[in-house]
Protein backbone atom coordinates (compact mmCIF):
# COMPACT_ATOMS: atom_id res chain seq x y z
CA MET A 1 193.66 58.15 61.19
CA LEU A 2 191.00 58.50 64.26
CA ASN A 3 191.42 62.86 64.99
CA PRO A 4 191.76 63.19 68.95
CA PRO A 5 188.53 64.30 70.56
CA SER A 6 188.20 68.25 70.77
CA GLU A 7 187.91 67.56 74.62
CA ALA A 8 190.77 66.52 76.73
CA PRO A 9 189.20 63.36 79.09
CA VAL A 10 188.43 64.50 83.04
CA LEU A 11 191.23 61.81 84.39
CA GLN A 12 193.66 63.50 81.39
CA GLY A 13 195.88 65.72 83.66
CA LEU A 14 195.74 62.60 86.70
CA TRP A 15 196.53 60.18 83.28
CA GLU A 16 199.35 61.95 82.59
CA ALA A 17 201.14 62.59 85.91
CA VAL A 18 200.60 59.20 86.91
CA GLN A 19 202.78 58.30 83.37
CA ALA A 20 205.16 61.57 83.62
CA GLY A 21 206.12 60.53 87.15
CA GLN A 22 205.64 56.94 87.72
CA ARG A 23 206.11 54.94 84.37
CA GLU A 24 208.78 53.01 86.05
CA VAL A 25 206.70 52.23 88.75
CA LEU A 26 203.74 51.06 86.51
CA LEU A 27 206.39 49.02 84.01
CA SER A 28 207.89 46.71 87.11
CA PRO A 29 207.15 43.64 87.55
CA TYR A 30 206.82 42.79 91.05
CA LEU A 31 204.02 45.77 90.99
CA PRO A 32 200.74 43.21 90.56
CA ALA A 33 201.58 41.43 93.74
CA SER A 34 202.71 44.69 95.97
CA TYR A 35 199.96 46.79 94.70
CA ALA A 36 197.48 44.01 95.88
CA PHE A 37 199.29 43.46 98.63
CA LEU A 38 199.40 46.90 100.13
CA THR A 39 195.95 48.30 99.19
CA HIS A 40 194.41 44.95 101.62
CA VAL A 41 196.64 46.15 104.83
CA LEU A 42 195.72 49.56 104.22
CA LEU A 43 192.06 49.13 103.63
CA CYS A 44 192.16 46.61 106.74
CA THR A 45 193.44 49.58 108.72
CA PRO A 46 189.57 50.60 109.77
CA PHE A 47 188.39 47.03 110.69
CA LEU A 48 191.75 46.80 112.58
CA ALA A 49 190.42 49.70 114.87
CA LEU A 50 186.70 48.71 114.58
CA ASP A 51 187.92 45.20 116.67
CA ALA A 52 189.98 47.21 119.12
CA LEU A 53 186.99 49.59 119.81
CA GLY A 54 184.78 46.26 119.74
CA SER A 55 186.51 44.75 122.85
CA VAL A 56 185.67 48.21 125.19
CA CYS A 57 182.72 48.85 123.39
CA GLN A 58 179.16 47.74 123.11
CA ARG A 59 177.74 49.27 120.43
CA VAL A 60 180.73 48.87 118.07
CA ARG A 61 180.30 44.95 119.09
CA SER A 62 176.31 44.69 117.98
CA TRP A 63 177.31 45.79 114.53
CA ARG A 64 178.47 41.77 114.04
CA VAL A 65 177.30 39.60 112.02
CA SER A 66 177.08 37.48 115.09
CA ALA A 67 176.79 39.84 117.47
CA GLY A 68 176.66 37.00 120.17
CA SER A 69 179.92 34.95 119.16
CA GLY A 70 182.07 36.86 121.68
CA PRO A 71 184.56 39.48 121.39
CA PRO A 72 186.42 40.42 118.08
CA PRO A 73 189.99 39.15 117.16
CA SER A 74 192.73 39.87 119.31
CA LEU A 75 195.56 41.76 118.34
CA ARG A 76 197.75 39.35 118.18
CA ARG A 77 195.64 36.84 116.13
CA TRP A 78 195.56 40.04 113.87
CA GLY A 79 199.55 39.95 113.72
CA GLU A 80 199.91 36.11 113.87
CA CYS A 81 197.27 36.57 110.21
CA PHE A 82 199.56 39.59 108.98
CA LEU A 83 202.63 37.53 109.11
CA ARG A 84 200.79 34.85 107.35
CA VAL A 85 199.80 36.52 104.66
CA LEU A 86 203.54 38.46 104.25
CA SER A 87 205.81 35.16 104.08
CA ARG A 88 203.20 34.36 101.03
CA TYR A 89 203.90 37.01 99.46
CA LEU A 90 207.35 36.96 99.70
CA SER A 91 207.96 33.22 99.24
CA SER A 92 205.34 32.66 96.54
CA VAL A 93 203.07 35.48 94.96
CA LEU A 94 205.55 38.42 94.33
CA PRO A 95 208.67 36.09 92.48
CA ALA A 96 205.46 33.79 90.31
CA THR A 97 203.89 37.19 89.03
CA ALA A 98 207.31 38.72 88.43
CA LEU A 99 208.39 35.32 86.20
CA LEU A 100 205.15 36.13 84.48
CA HIS A 101 205.72 39.83 84.06
CA ALA A 102 208.87 39.01 82.45
CA LEU A 103 207.44 36.29 79.97
CA CYS A 104 204.44 38.48 79.01
CA SER A 105 204.93 41.19 76.38
CA PRO A 106 205.57 45.15 77.82
CA ALA A 107 202.48 46.77 78.71
CA VAL A 108 202.05 50.17 76.13
CA PHE A 109 199.89 52.94 77.76
CA PRO A 110 197.18 54.86 75.84
CA LEU A 111 198.19 58.49 75.63
CA LEU A 112 194.37 59.30 76.87
CA ALA A 113 192.55 58.64 79.72
CA PRO A 114 189.52 57.25 79.68
CA SER A 115 185.77 59.17 80.21
CA CYS A 116 184.65 59.12 83.67
CA TRP A 117 181.81 56.64 81.98
CA GLU A 118 184.30 54.62 80.18
CA LEU A 119 185.78 54.10 84.10
CA CYS A 120 183.06 53.33 85.72
CA VAL A 121 181.78 50.97 83.01
CA GLU A 122 185.02 49.13 82.63
CA VAL A 123 185.44 48.35 86.43
CA PHE A 124 181.75 47.31 86.70
CA ALA A 125 182.91 45.10 83.58
CA CYS A 126 185.34 43.43 85.69
CA LEU A 127 183.82 43.15 88.92
CA LEU A 128 181.17 41.05 87.06
CA VAL A 129 183.88 39.11 84.91
CA PHE A 130 186.16 38.65 88.65
CA ASP A 131 182.22 37.36 90.42
CA THR A 132 181.87 34.97 87.41
CA LEU A 133 185.14 33.07 87.61
CA PHE A 134 185.60 32.98 91.28
CA PHE A 135 182.01 31.98 91.47
CA ILE A 136 183.15 29.18 88.82
CA SER A 137 186.61 28.43 90.60
CA HIS A 138 185.06 28.25 94.55
CA VAL A 139 182.20 25.68 93.32
CA ALA A 140 185.35 23.53 92.08
CA MET A 141 187.20 24.02 94.90
CA HIS A 142 184.80 23.15 96.94
CA ARG A 143 183.54 19.95 95.30
CA VAL A 144 186.41 18.46 94.37
CA PRO A 145 188.18 17.15 97.43
CA TRP A 146 191.68 17.38 96.22
CA LEU A 147 191.10 20.82 95.66
CA TYR A 148 189.83 21.98 98.86
CA ARG A 149 192.55 20.18 100.92
CA ARG A 150 195.78 21.29 98.96
CA ILE A 151 194.43 24.87 98.43
CA HIS A 152 191.38 25.72 100.10
CA ARG A 153 191.05 24.22 103.32
CA HIS A 154 193.30 27.36 104.81
CA HIS A 155 191.24 29.93 104.04
CA HIS A 156 188.17 27.99 105.50
CA ARG A 157 190.38 28.01 109.79
CA HIS A 158 188.95 31.12 110.01
CA HIS A 159 184.82 29.68 110.75
CA LEU A 160 184.21 33.65 111.71
CA PRO A 161 186.14 35.65 109.40
CA PHE A 162 187.94 39.07 110.21
CA ALA A 163 189.39 41.65 107.39
CA LEU A 164 192.75 40.36 107.50
CA ALA A 165 191.65 36.98 106.47
CA ALA A 166 190.43 37.70 103.52
CA GLN A 167 194.16 36.90 102.31
CA ASP A 168 194.89 33.91 104.35
CA SER A 169 194.85 31.64 102.30
CA SER A 170 197.40 29.19 100.63
CA SER A 171 199.93 30.48 98.38
CA LEU A 172 198.27 28.80 95.39
CA GLU A 173 195.19 30.70 96.45
CA LEU A 174 196.75 33.75 96.75
CA LEU A 175 198.46 33.27 93.15
CA SER A 176 195.11 32.15 91.57
CA LEU A 177 192.92 35.13 93.16
CA LEU A 178 195.39 37.64 91.95
CA LEU A 179 195.55 36.02 88.31
CA LEU A 180 191.56 35.83 88.00
CA ALA A 181 191.78 39.66 88.92
CA LEU A 182 194.48 40.19 86.44
CA SER A 183 192.80 38.03 83.88
CA SER A 184 189.40 39.61 83.92
CA SER A 185 191.25 43.06 83.41
CA TRP A 186 192.95 41.52 80.05
CA LEU A 187 188.84 40.16 79.28
CA VAL A 188 187.63 43.36 79.51
CA GLY A 189 190.07 45.08 77.85
CA CYS A 190 190.08 48.29 80.11
CA HIS A 191 192.67 51.55 80.46
CA PRO A 192 195.06 50.92 83.16
CA LEU A 193 193.85 53.50 85.09
CA SER A 194 190.57 51.54 85.52
CA GLU A 195 191.96 48.50 85.97
CA ALA A 196 193.64 50.44 89.16
CA VAL A 197 190.44 51.58 90.27
CA PHE A 198 189.33 47.90 89.69
CA HIS A 199 192.15 46.05 91.66
CA LEU A 200 191.28 49.54 94.74
CA LEU A 201 187.23 48.40 94.89
CA ASN A 202 188.21 44.46 94.59
CA SER A 203 190.29 44.56 97.89
CA TRP A 204 187.63 46.76 99.34
CA LEU A 205 185.19 44.49 98.47
CA ALA A 206 187.12 41.64 99.57
CA VAL A 207 187.88 43.05 103.02
CA GLU A 208 184.57 44.30 103.96
CA ASP A 209 182.99 40.62 102.83
CA HIS A 210 185.33 39.19 105.59
CA CYS A 211 185.15 41.94 107.93
CA GLY A 212 182.61 40.38 110.54
CA TYR A 213 180.77 44.13 110.76
CA ASP A 214 176.85 44.58 109.43
CA LEU A 215 177.75 48.31 109.24
CA PRO A 216 174.73 50.79 108.29
CA TRP A 217 176.75 52.31 105.31
CA ALA A 218 178.19 49.06 104.03
CA LEU A 219 178.24 48.69 100.16
CA HIS A 220 175.69 45.81 100.41
CA ARG A 221 173.01 47.86 102.62
CA LEU A 222 173.24 50.55 99.27
CA LEU A 223 173.48 48.16 96.72
CA PRO A 224 171.01 44.86 97.10
CA CYS A 225 172.58 43.02 94.53
CA LEU A 226 175.69 41.96 96.58
CA GLY A 227 175.66 39.99 99.26
CA GLY A 228 178.26 41.42 101.67
CA ALA A 229 179.87 40.48 105.23
CA PRO A 230 176.42 38.69 106.13
CA CYS A 231 176.53 36.37 102.67
CA HIS A 232 179.95 35.44 102.96
CA GLN A 233 180.04 35.04 106.79
CA ALA A 234 177.30 32.12 106.43
CA HIS A 235 179.87 30.50 102.99
CA HIS A 236 182.86 30.40 106.43
CA ALA A 237 179.68 28.52 108.63
CA LEU A 238 178.00 26.66 105.82
CA HIS A 239 180.37 26.07 103.11
CA ASN A 240 178.03 24.68 100.54
CA VAL A 241 176.33 28.03 100.15
CA ASN A 242 177.10 31.94 98.69
CA TYR A 243 179.80 30.93 96.87
CA ALA A 244 180.15 34.05 94.43
CA PRO A 245 182.28 36.77 96.14
CA TYR A 246 180.12 39.73 96.19
CA PHE A 247 176.88 39.61 93.58
CA THR A 248 174.24 36.92 94.65
CA HIS A 249 172.54 36.39 91.19
CA TRP A 250 175.21 33.76 90.38
CA ASP A 251 174.69 31.93 93.40
CA LEU A 252 170.44 32.56 93.02
CA LEU A 253 170.20 30.99 89.43
CA PHE A 254 172.39 27.94 90.87
CA GLY A 255 170.42 27.08 93.97
CA THR A 256 173.46 27.86 96.18
CA TYR A 257 171.81 31.19 97.96
CA CYS A 258 171.40 31.11 101.27
CA ALA A 259 169.71 34.45 103.10
CA PRO A 260 171.40 35.84 106.37
CA GLU A 261 168.42 35.40 108.45
CA GLN A 262 168.39 31.93 107.56
CA TYR A 263 172.29 31.09 108.77
CA LEU A 264 171.41 33.34 111.92
CA ARG A 265 168.60 31.56 113.29
CA LYS A 266 170.39 28.65 111.86
CA GLU A 267 173.10 29.70 114.70
CA ARG A 268 171.35 30.45 117.37
C-alpha cells in the first residue's frame, strides 16, 4: 500500500471543501447537463454586452471578424436562441444524460486532489482528445448527407455565428457534444477536479469560437495552435474547411485548413 505524500497538494483544501459541501450535487444525475448549460450561458454574457455595445459603438464593431457585415445580433435574436437551447436541454439532453448516469456505476471520488501540474496536463490531454473526436464526428456529419440533414444542418443556420449559437444545435447534436466531452475525460482518466476545469474551458473555447469577434486578447492570439473565431467563422461560411473545434493541426494534416485571411478575401 502506497503511503500518502508528505505534502498535501495545493488544491487539497479546495477539493475537500467541494466534497464536504457539495457531495450530493457531485453525484446528481442532472449535474452534467446542468453544468454544461449554465456555464455556457454565463460565459456568453460578456459577448452579449459586446453585441449590445456594438449597436452603438463603432470601435466594438471594428473587432468583429467580418467588420463590414452589419450590426451585431439583436437582443431579440439572443432571446430566441436562448429559448431554443433551453427547450432542447430540458426536453432531450437532461433526461438522456440522467438516464445514462443511472445506468453507470456510482462515482468513487479520490481522497487527494491533483497537483497543479497534474491538473494542467489532464485538462490539456482532455482538450486534445475532445478536439480529435469532434474533428472525426464533424467531418462525418458534413460528408454524410443524412447526418448533415438530420443532425448538423440546424447549427449552420448561422452564417455569421454569435456566442450563444455555439449550442444552438439539434437535440441529437447537443447530446453528442456532451457525450464527446464526457468520453474525453473518461478516456484520459482524469481527476474530477480536472474534469470540471476541462468542461469549463471547453465551454469557453466553444463560446469564443462562435462569438464573431477577433479580440486583441483572444486565446488564439496568445496561442498560435488555436484557430479561434476567425477560423470557425470561415467554417460556417464555407462549410468544407476548418472542421476541428479548437486546434488547427488536424485540418492542416488533412488539407482542410483555411486561413482566416483567405476567407475574408473571398467575402470581399
